[in-house]
Amino acid sequence: KSNTDIPKAIDAKDNKTIDAFTRLKGPAFDHRFLAEMIQAHQKAIAEFKREAEHGTDADVKAFANSTLPKLQEHLEKARDLSKPAKHAK
């Protein structure tokens, strides 16, 4: 509808990240995964805010505005998961 090009393959940077994950296990994997999710959500939120505020396509602006709360919720959940667990005694 908006004549947007969709990538047909994973780029080299993302392939490098995937390769790094294949070598991780257990807590090391969990820690890296959460760090990547936090970073990705921060980047997505910045891009969606920019589009919501400065975009020129009304449909895309509306989508950005409606999606931002869910992205922010996911970021907060990832941050909560990355905090050290408080063990009950």
PDB file of N, CA and C in Angstrom:
ATOM      1  N   LYS A   1       0.818  -1.193   0.000  1.00  0.00           N
ATOM      2  CA  LYS A   1       0.000   0.000   0.000  1.00  0.00           C
ATOM      3  C   LYS A   1       0.862   1.257   0.000  1.00  0.00           C
ATOM      4  N   SER A   2       1.926   1.265   0.767  1.00  0.00           N
ATOM      5  CA  SER A   2       2.748   2.475   0.842  1.00  0.00           C
ATOM      6  C   SER A   2       4.001   2.385  -0.023  1.00  0.00           C
ATOM      7  N   ASN A   3       4.091   1.357  -0.861  1.00  0.00           N
ATOM      8  CA  ASN A   3       5.253   1.181  -1.742  1.00  0.00           C
ATOM      9  C   ASN A   3       6.572   1.139  -0.979  1.00  0.00           C
ATOM     10  N   THR A   4       6.571   0.440   0.140  1.00  0.00           N
ATOM     11  CA  THR A   4       7.768   0.292   0.959  1.00  0.00           C
ATOM     12  C   THR A   4       8.502  -0.972   0.551  1.00  0.00           C
ATOM     13  N   ASP A   5       9.810  -0.858   0.386  1.00  0.00           N
ATOM     14  CA  ASP A   5      10.623  -2.032   0.067  1.00  0.00           C
ATOM     15  C   ASP A   5      10.862  -2.844   1.332  1.00  0.00           C
ATOM     16  N   ILE A   6      10.626  -4.132   1.246  1.00  0.00           N
ATOM     17  CA  ILE A   6      10.851  -5.056   2.351  1.00  0.00           C
ATOM     18  C   ILE A   6      12.125  -5.835   2.047  1.00  0.00           C
ATOM     19  N   PRO A   7      13.069  -5.874   3.012  1.00  0.00           N
ATOM     20  CA  PRO A   7      14.298  -6.641   2.768  1.00  0.00           C
ATOM     21  C   PRO A   7      13.978  -8.102   2.475  1.00  0.00           C
ATOM     22  N   LYS A   8      14.718  -8.682   1.572  1.00  0.00           N
ATOM     23  CA  LYS A   8      14.507 -10.077   1.191  1.00  0.00           C
ATOM     24  C   LYS A   8      15.462 -11.022   1.913  1.00  0.00           C
ATOM     25  N   ALA A   9      16.428 -10.469   2.630  1.00  0.00           N
ATOM     26  CA  ALA A   9      17.409 -11.289   3.340  1.00  0.00           C
ATOM     27  C   ALA A   9      17.868 -10.555   4.599  1.00  0.00           C
ATOM     28  N   ILE A  10      18.462 -11.302   5.494  1.00  0.00           N
ATOM     29  CA  ILE A  10      19.019 -10.738   6.723  1.00  0.00           C
ATOM     30  C   ILE A  10      20.340 -10.060   6.382  1.00  0.00           C
ATOM     31  N   ASP A  11      20.554  -8.865   6.937  1.00  0.00           N
ATOM     32  CA  ASP A  11      21.800  -8.160   6.633  1.00  0.00           C
ATOM     33  C   ASP A  11      22.966  -8.729   7.449  1.00  0.00           C
ATOM     34  N   ALA A  12      24.170  -8.323   7.107  1.00  0.00           N
ATOM     35  CA  ALA A  12      25.387  -8.867   7.725  1.00  0.00           C
ATOM     36  C   ALA A  12      25.423  -8.614   9.227  1.00  0.00           C
ATOM     37  N   LYS A  13      24.994  -7.442   9.666  1.00  0.00           N
ATOM     38  CA  LYS A  13      24.997  -7.121  11.099  1.00  0.00           C
ATOM     39  C   LYS A  13      24.093  -8.083  11.870  1.00  0.00           C
ATOM     40  N   ASP A  14      22.900  -8.320  11.343  1.00  0.00           N
ATOM     41  CA  ASP A  14      21.978  -9.229  12.018  1.00  0.00           C
ATOM     42  C   ASP A  14      22.473 -10.673  11.970  1.00  0.00           C
ATOM     43  N   ASN A  15      23.105 -11.067  10.879  1.00  0.00           N
ATOM     44  CA  ASN A  15      23.703 -12.403  10.808  1.00  0.00           C
ATOM     45  C   ASN A  15      24.779 -12.577  11.866  1.00  0.00           C
ATOM     46  N   LYS A  16      25.561 -11.537  12.106  1.00  0.00           N
ATOM     47  CA  LYS A  16      26.611 -11.592  13.129  1.00  0.00           C
ATOM     48  C   LYS A  16      25.985 -11.775  14.517  1.00  0.00           C
ATOM     49  N   THR A  17      24.890 -11.077  14.770  1.00  0.00           N
ATOM     50  CA  THR A  17      24.193 -11.218  16.050  1.00  0.00           C
ATOM     51  C   THR A  17      23.650 -12.632  16.212  1.00  0.00           C
ATOM     52  N   ILE A  18      23.047 -13.156  15.171  1.00  0.00           N
ATOM     53  CA  ILE A  18      22.519 -14.525  15.214  1.00  0.00           C
ATOM     54  C   ILE A  18      23.639 -15.518  15.484  1.00  0.00           C
ATOM     55  N   ASP A  19      24.766 -15.365  14.814  1.00  0.00           N
ATOM     56  CA  ASP A  19      25.912 -16.253  15.032  1.00  0.00           C
ATOM     57  C   ASP A  19      26.381 -16.200  16.479  1.00  0.00           C
ATOM     58  N   ALA A  20      26.403 -15.006  17.060  1.00  0.00           N
ATOM     59  CA  ALA A  20      26.828 -14.873  18.459  1.00  0.00           C
ATOM     60  C   ALA A  20      25.876 -15.628  19.383  1.00  0.00           C
ATOM     61  N   PHE A  21      24.594 -15.569  19.108  1.00  0.00           N
ATOM     62  CA  PHE A  21      23.615 -16.267  19.941  1.00  0.00           C
ATOM     63  C   PHE A  21      23.769 -17.780  19.871  1.00  0.00           C
ATOM     64  N   THR A  22      24.173 -18.315  18.749  1.00  0.00           N
ATOM     65  CA  THR A  22      24.293 -19.768  18.623  1.00  0.00           C
ATOM     66  C   THR A  22      25.392 -20.327  19.518  1.00  0.00           C
ATOM     67  N   ARG A  23      26.318 -19.486  19.940  1.00  0.00           N
ATOM     68  CA  ARG A  23      27.413 -19.939  20.802  1.00  0.00           C
ATOM     69  C   ARG A  23      27.115 -19.773  22.290  1.00  0.00           C
ATOM     70  N   LEU A  24      26.010 -19.135  22.624  1.00  0.00           N
ATOM     71  CA  LEU A  24      25.685 -18.868  24.024  1.00  0.00           C
ATOM     72  C   LEU A  24      24.704 -19.902  24.566  1.00  0.00           C
ATOM     73  N   LYS A  25      24.830 -20.176  25.849  1.00  0.00           N
ATOM     74  CA  LYS A  25      23.942 -21.124  26.529  1.00  0.00           C
ATOM     75  C   LYS A  25      23.562 -20.567  27.896  1.00  0.00           C
ATOM     76  N   GLY A  26      22.430 -20.996  28.407  1.00  0.00           N
ATOM     77  CA  GLY A  26      22.007 -20.690  29.764  1.00  0.00           C
ATOM     78  C   GLY A  26      21.950 -19.209  30.083  1.00  0.00           C
ATOM     79  N   PRO A  27      22.461 -18.831  31.275  1.00  0.00           N
ATOM     80  CA  PRO A  27      22.401 -17.437  31.711  1.00  0.00           C
ATOM     81  C   PRO A  27      23.101 -16.459  30.760  1.00  0.00           C
ATOM     82  N   ALA A  28      24.166 -16.896  30.108  1.00  0.00           N
ATOM     83  CA  ALA A  28      24.857 -16.011  29.158  1.00  0.00           C
ATOM     84  C   ALA A  28      23.930 -15.668  27.991  1.00  0.00           C
ATOM     85  N   PHE A  29      23.191 -16.669  27.514  1.00  0.00           N
ATOM     86  CA  PHE A  29      22.219 -16.434  26.442  1.00  0.00           C
ATOM     87  C   PHE A  29      21.126 -15.484  26.922  1.00  0.00           C
ATOM     88  N   ASP A  30      20.584 -15.775  28.110  1.00  0.00           N
ATOM     89  CA  ASP A  30      19.501 -14.945  28.650  1.00  0.00           C
ATOM     90  C   ASP A  30      19.923 -13.489  28.781  1.00  0.00           C
ATOM     91  N   HIS A  31      21.106 -13.266  29.333  1.00  0.00           N
ATOM     92  CA  HIS A  31      21.604 -11.903  29.536  1.00  0.00           C
ATOM     93  C   HIS A  31      21.765 -11.183  28.202  1.00  0.00           C
ATOM     94  N   ARG A  32      22.381 -11.837  27.241  1.00  0.00           N
ATOM     95  CA  ARG A  32      22.603 -11.221  25.925  1.00  0.00           C
ATOM     96  C   ARG A  32      21.278 -10.965  25.216  1.00  0.00           C
ATOM     97  N   PHE A  33      20.354 -11.927  25.317  1.00  0.00           N
ATOM     98  CA  PHE A  33      19.052 -11.761  24.671  1.00  0.00           C
ATOM     99  C   PHE A  33      18.318 -10.544  25.225  1.00  0.00           C
ATOM    100  N   LEU A  34      18.285 -10.415  26.550  1.00  0.00           N
ATOM    101  CA  LEU A  34      17.605  -9.268  27.151  1.00  0.00           C
ATOM    102  C   LEU A  34      18.278  -7.956  26.762  1.00  0.00           C
ATOM    103  N   ALA A  35      19.607  -7.943  26.740  1.00  0.00           N
ATOM    104  CA  ALA A  35      20.323  -6.730  26.334  1.00  0.00           C
ATOM    105  C   ALA A  35      19.962  -6.349  24.899  1.00  0.00           C
ATOM    106  N   GLU A  36      19.902  -7.334  24.018  1.00  0.00           N
ATOM    107  CA  GLU A  36      19.539  -7.074  22.617  1.00  0.00           C
ATOM    108  C   GLU A  36      18.095  -6.582  22.507  1.00  0.00           C
ATOM    109  N   MET A  37      17.192  -7.174  23.282  1.00  0.00           N
ATOM    110  CA  MET A  37      15.787  -6.765  23.236  1.00  0.00           C
ATOM    111  C   MET A  37      15.608  -5.337  23.747  1.00  0.00           C
ATOM    112  N   ILE A  38      16.321  -4.996  24.810  1.00  0.00           N
ATOM    113  CA  ILE A  38      16.242  -3.629  25.339  1.00  0.00           C
ATOM    114  C   ILE A  38      16.745  -2.639  24.297  1.00  0.00           C
ATOM    115  N   GLN A  39      17.894  -2.929  23.720  1.00  0.00           N
ATOM    116  CA  GLN A  39      18.470  -2.038  22.712  1.00  0.00           C
ATOM    117  C   GLN A  39      17.549  -1.916  21.490  1.00  0.00           C
ATOM    118  N   ALA A  40      17.015  -3.029  21.024  1.00  0.00           N
ATOM    119  CA  ALA A  40      16.141  -3.012  19.844  1.00  0.00           C
ATOM    120  C   ALA A  40      14.855  -2.228  20.112  1.00  0.00           C
ATOM    121  N   HIS A  41      14.296  -2.397  21.305  1.00  0.00           N
ATOM    122  CA  HIS A  41      13.073  -1.666  21.627  1.00  0.00           C
ATOM    123  C   HIS A  41      13.346  -0.168  21.780  1.00  0.00           C
ATOM    124  N   GLN A  42      14.483   0.193  22.354  1.00  0.00           N
ATOM    125  CA  GLN A  42      14.831   1.609  22.461  1.00  0.00           C
ATOM    126  C   GLN A  42      14.954   2.236  21.070  1.00  0.00           C
ATOM    127  N   LYS A  43      15.593   1.526  20.170  1.00  0.00           N
ATOM    128  CA  LYS A  43      15.752   2.018  18.797  1.00  0.00           C
ATOM    129  C   LYS A  43      14.392   2.125  18.106  1.00  0.00           C
ATOM    130  N   ALA A  44      13.565   1.100  18.250  1.00  0.00           N
ATOM    131  CA  ALA A  44      12.244   1.114  17.615  1.00  0.00           C
ATOM    132  C   ALA A  44      11.387   2.253  18.154  1.00  0.00           C
ATOM    133  N   ILE A  45      11.425   2.465  19.462  1.00  0.00           N
ATOM    134  CA  ILE A  45      10.638   3.546  20.063  1.00  0.00           C
ATOM    135  C   ILE A  45      11.076   4.897  19.511  1.00  0.00           C
ATOM    136  N   ALA A  46      12.376   5.111  19.405  1.00  0.00           N
ATOM    137  CA  ALA A  46      12.877   6.375  18.850  1.00  0.00           C
ATOM    138  C   ALA A  46      12.401   6.565  17.411  1.00  0.00           C
ATOM    139  N   GLU A  47      12.463   5.507  16.614  1.00  0.00           N
ATOM    140  CA  GLU A  47      12.035   5.594  15.213  1.00  0.00           C
ATOM    141  C   GLU A  47      10.526   5.809  15.097  1.00  0.00           C
ATOM    142  N   PHE A  48       9.756   5.127  15.926  1.00  0.00           N
ATOM    143  CA  PHE A  48       8.305   5.287  15.877  1.00  0.00           C
ATOM    144  C   PHE A  48       7.898   6.680  16.348  1.00  0.00           C
ATOM    145  N   LYS A  49       8.574   7.202  17.383  1.00  0.00           N
ATOM    146  CA  LYS A  49       8.282   8.565  17.839  1.00  0.00           C
ATOM    147  C   LYS A  49       8.587   9.572  16.738  1.00  0.00           C
ATOM    148  N   ARG A  50       9.723   9.399  16.093  1.00  0.00           N
ATOM    149  CA  ARG A  50      10.106  10.308  15.009  1.00  0.00           C
ATOM    150  C   ARG A  50       9.048  10.277  13.899  1.00  0.00           C
ATOM    151  N   GLU A  51       8.609   9.090  13.540  1.00  0.00           N
ATOM    152  CA  GLU A  51       7.599   8.971  12.481  1.00  0.00           C
ATOM    153  C   GLU A  51       6.267   9.560  12.935  1.00  0.00           C
ATOM    154  N   ALA A  52       5.884   9.293  14.183  1.00  0.00           N
ATOM    155  CA  ALA A  52       4.613   9.810  14.699  1.00  0.00           C
ATOM    156  C   ALA A  52       4.603  11.337  14.718  1.00  0.00           C
ATOM    157  N   GLU A  53       5.746  11.935  14.998  1.00  0.00           N
ATOM    158  CA  GLU A  53       5.830  13.393  15.112  1.00  0.00           C
ATOM    159  C   GLU A  53       6.105  14.088  13.784  1.00  0.00           C
ATOM    160  N   HIS A  54       6.883  13.453  12.918  1.00  0.00           N
ATOM    161  CA  HIS A  54       7.353  14.148  11.718  1.00  0.00           C
ATOM    162  C   HIS A  54       7.000  13.447  10.409  1.00  0.00           C
ATOM    163  N   GLY A  55       6.298  12.347  10.479  1.00  0.00           N
ATOM    164  CA  GLY A  55       5.971  11.602   9.266  1.00  0.00           C
ATOM    165  C   GLY A  55       5.036  12.374   8.347  1.00  0.00           C
ATOM    166  N   THR A  56       5.047  11.998   7.086  1.00  0.00           N
ATOM    167  CA  THR A  56       4.205  12.688   6.105  1.00  0.00           C
ATOM    168  C   THR A  56       3.020  11.846   5.646  1.00  0.00           C
ATOM    169  N   ASP A  57       3.047  10.548   5.918  1.00  0.00           N
ATOM    170  CA  ASP A  57       1.951   9.660   5.526  1.00  0.00           C
ATOM    171  C   ASP A  57       1.024   9.473   6.731  1.00  0.00           C
ATOM    172  N   ALA A  58      -0.221   9.894   6.603  1.00  0.00           N
ATOM    173  CA  ALA A  58      -1.165   9.842   7.723  1.00  0.00           C
ATOM    174  C   ALA A  58      -1.370   8.426   8.254  1.00  0.00           C
ATOM    175  N   ASP A  59      -1.427   7.433   7.375  1.00  0.00           N
ATOM    176  CA  ASP A  59      -1.620   6.047   7.819  1.00  0.00           C
ATOM    177  C   ASP A  59      -0.423   5.550   8.618  1.00  0.00           C
ATOM    178  N   VAL A  60       0.771   5.886   8.165  1.00  0.00           N
ATOM    179  CA  VAL A  60       1.985   5.457   8.865  1.00  0.00           C
ATOM    180  C   VAL A  60       2.089   6.171  10.210  1.00  0.00           C
ATOM    181  N   LYS A  61       1.762   7.451  10.242  1.00  0.00           N
ATOM    182  CA  LYS A  61       1.771   8.199  11.508  1.00  0.00           C
ATOM    183  C   LYS A  61       0.792   7.583  12.503  1.00  0.00           C
ATOM    184  N   ALA A  62      -0.396   7.236  12.033  1.00  0.00           N
ATOM    185  CA  ALA A  62      -1.399   6.626  12.905  1.00  0.00           C
ATOM    186  C   ALA A  62      -0.913   5.279  13.430  1.00  0.00           C
ATOM    187  N   PHE A  63      -0.293   4.490  12.558  1.00  0.00           N
ATOM    188  CA  PHE A  63       0.248   3.199  12.985  1.00  0.00           C
ATOM    189  C   PHE A  63       1.341   3.399  14.038  1.00  0.00           C
ATOM    190  N   ALA A  64       2.227   4.354  13.804  1.00  0.00           N
ATOM    191  CA  ALA A  64       3.304   4.624  14.759  1.00  0.00           C
ATOM    192  C   ALA A  64       2.722   5.030  16.110  1.00  0.00           C
ATOM    193  N   ASN A  65       1.751   5.922  16.101  1.00  0.00           N
ATOM    194  CA  ASN A  65       1.125   6.368  17.350  1.00  0.00           C
ATOM    195  C   ASN A  65       0.421   5.238  18.077  1.00  0.00           C
ATOM    196  N   SER A  66      -0.257   4.377  17.346  1.00  0.00           N
ATOM    197  CA  SER A  66      -0.997   3.295  18.000  1.00  0.00           C
ATOM    198  C   SER A  66      -0.083   2.175  18.491  1.00  0.00           C
ATOM    199  N   THR A  67       1.094   2.049  17.903  1.00  0.00           N
ATOM    200  CA  THR A  67       2.021   0.978  18.262  1.00  0.00           C
ATOM    201  C   THR A  67       2.963   1.372  19.397  1.00  0.00           C
ATOM    202  N   LEU A  68       3.232   2.664  19.555  1.00  0.00           N
ATOM    203  CA  LEU A  68       4.175   3.120  20.578  1.00  0.00           C
ATOM    204  C   LEU A  68       3.881   2.597  21.985  1.00  0.00           C
ATOM    205  N   PRO A  69       2.646   2.630  22.471  1.00  0.00           N
ATOM    206  CA  PRO A  69       2.401   2.135  23.830  1.00  0.00           C
ATOM    207  C   PRO A  69       2.811   0.669  24.025  1.00  0.00           C
ATOM    208  N   LYS A  70       2.576  -0.172  23.026  1.00  0.00           N
ATOM    209  CA  LYS A  70       2.943  -1.590  23.142  1.00  0.00           C
ATOM    210  C   LYS A  70       4.460  -1.745  23.136  1.00  0.00           C
ATOM    211  N   LEU A  71       5.157  -0.987  22.304  1.00  0.00           N
ATOM    212  CA  LEU A  71       6.624  -1.035  22.297  1.00  0.00           C
ATOM    213  C   LEU A  71       7.178  -0.597  23.649  1.00  0.00           C
ATOM    214  N   GLN A  72       6.604   0.452  24.224  1.00  0.00           N
ATOM    215  CA  GLN A  72       7.059   0.938  25.527  1.00  0.00           C
ATOM    216  C   GLN A  72       6.779  -0.089  26.623  1.00  0.00           C
ATOM    217  N   GLU A  73       5.642  -0.755  26.531  1.00  0.00           N
ATOM    218  CA  GLU A  73       5.314  -1.812  27.490  1.00  0.00           C
ATOM    219  C   GLU A  73       6.325  -2.961  27.389  1.00  0.00           C
ATOM    220  N   HIS A  74       6.651  -3.362  26.180  1.00  0.00           N
ATOM    221  CA  HIS A  74       7.626  -4.442  25.982  1.00  0.00           C
ATOM    222  C   HIS A  74       8.998  -4.039  26.511  1.00  0.00           C
ATOM    223  N   LEU A  75       9.393  -2.783  26.303  1.00  0.00           N
ATOM    224  CA  LEU A  75      10.678  -2.308  26.821  1.00  0.00           C
ATOM    225  C   LEU A  75      10.703  -2.399  28.343  1.00  0.00           C
ATOM    226  N   GLU A  76       9.641  -1.968  28.988  1.00  0.00           N
ATOM    227  CA  GLU A  76       9.593  -2.029  30.452  1.00  0.00           C
ATOM    228  C   GLU A  76       9.651  -3.472  30.954  1.00  0.00           C
ATOM    229  N   LYS A  77       8.976  -4.382  30.272  1.00  0.00           N
ATOM    230  CA  LYS A  77       9.029  -5.796  30.669  1.00  0.00           C
ATOM    231  C   LYS A  77      10.440  -6.351  30.510  1.00  0.00           C
ATOM    232  N   ALA A  78      11.110  -6.002  29.429  1.00  0.00           N
ATOM    233  CA  ALA A  78      12.487  -6.465  29.229  1.00  0.00           C
ATOM    234  C   ALA A  78      13.400  -5.894  30.303  1.00  0.00           C
ATOM    235  N   ARG A  79      13.216  -4.632  30.639  1.00  0.00           N
ATOM    236  CA  ARG A  79      14.025  -4.021  31.709  1.00  0.00           C
ATOM    237  C   ARG A  79      13.764  -4.712  33.043  1.00  0.00           C
ATOM    238  N   ASP A  80      12.493  -5.002  33.328  1.00  0.00           N
ATOM    239  CA  ASP A  80      12.162  -5.698  34.573  1.00  0.00           C
ATOM    240  C   ASP A  80      12.834  -7.067  34.628  1.00  0.00           C
ATOM    241  N   LEU A  81      12.814  -7.787  33.519  1.00  0.00           N
ATOM    242  CA  LEU A  81      13.440  -9.109  33.481  1.00  0.00           C
ATOM    243  C   LEU A  81      14.952  -9.040  33.638  1.00  0.00           C
ATOM    244  N   SER A  82      15.543  -7.927  33.243  1.00  0.00           N
ATOM    245  CA  SER A  82      17.001  -7.823  33.314  1.00  0.00           C
ATOM    246  C   SER A  82      17.492  -7.433  34.702  1.00  0.00           C
ATOM    247  N   LYS A  83      16.572  -7.038  35.583  1.00  0.00           N
ATOM    248  CA  LYS A  83      16.957  -6.687  36.953  1.00  0.00           C
ATOM    249  C   LYS A  83      17.264  -7.966  37.723  1.00  0.00           C
ATOM    250  N   PRO A  84      18.227  -7.883  38.641  1.00  0.00           N
ATOM    251  CA  PRO A  84      18.530  -9.076  39.451  1.00  0.00           C
ATOM    252  C   PRO A  84      17.288  -9.523  40.224  1.00  0.00           C
ATOM    253  N   ALA A  85      17.080 -10.821  40.264  1.00  0.00           N
ATOM    254  CA  ALA A  85      15.924 -11.376  40.975  1.00  0.00           C
ATOM    255  C   ALA A  85      16.119 -11.216  42.474  1.00  0.00           C
ATOM    256  N   LYS A  86      15.041 -10.891  43.147  1.00  0.00           N
ATOM    257  CA  LYS A  86      15.066 -10.808  44.609  1.00  0.00           C
ATOM    258  C   LYS A  86      14.560 -12.147  45.128  1.00  0.00           C
ATOM    259  N   HIS A  87      15.437 -12.881  45.757  1.00  0.00           N
ATOM    260  CA  HIS A  87      15.093 -14.224  46.223  1.00  0.00           C
ATOM    261  C   HIS A  87      14.381 -14.156  47.566  1.00  0.00           C
ATOM    262  N   ALA A  88      13.302 -14.902  47.675  1.00  0.00           N
ATOM    263  CA  ALA A  88      12.573 -14.988  48.940  1.00  0.00           C
ATOM    264  C   ALA A  88      13.362 -15.853  49.898  1.00  0.00           C
ATOM    265  N   LYS A  89      13.326 -15.489  51.149  1.00  0.00           N
ATOM    266  CA  LYS A  89      14.065 -16.269  52.157  1.00  0.00           C
ATOM    267  C   LYS A  89      13.140 -17.169  52.918  1.00  0.00           C
TER     268      LYS A  89
END
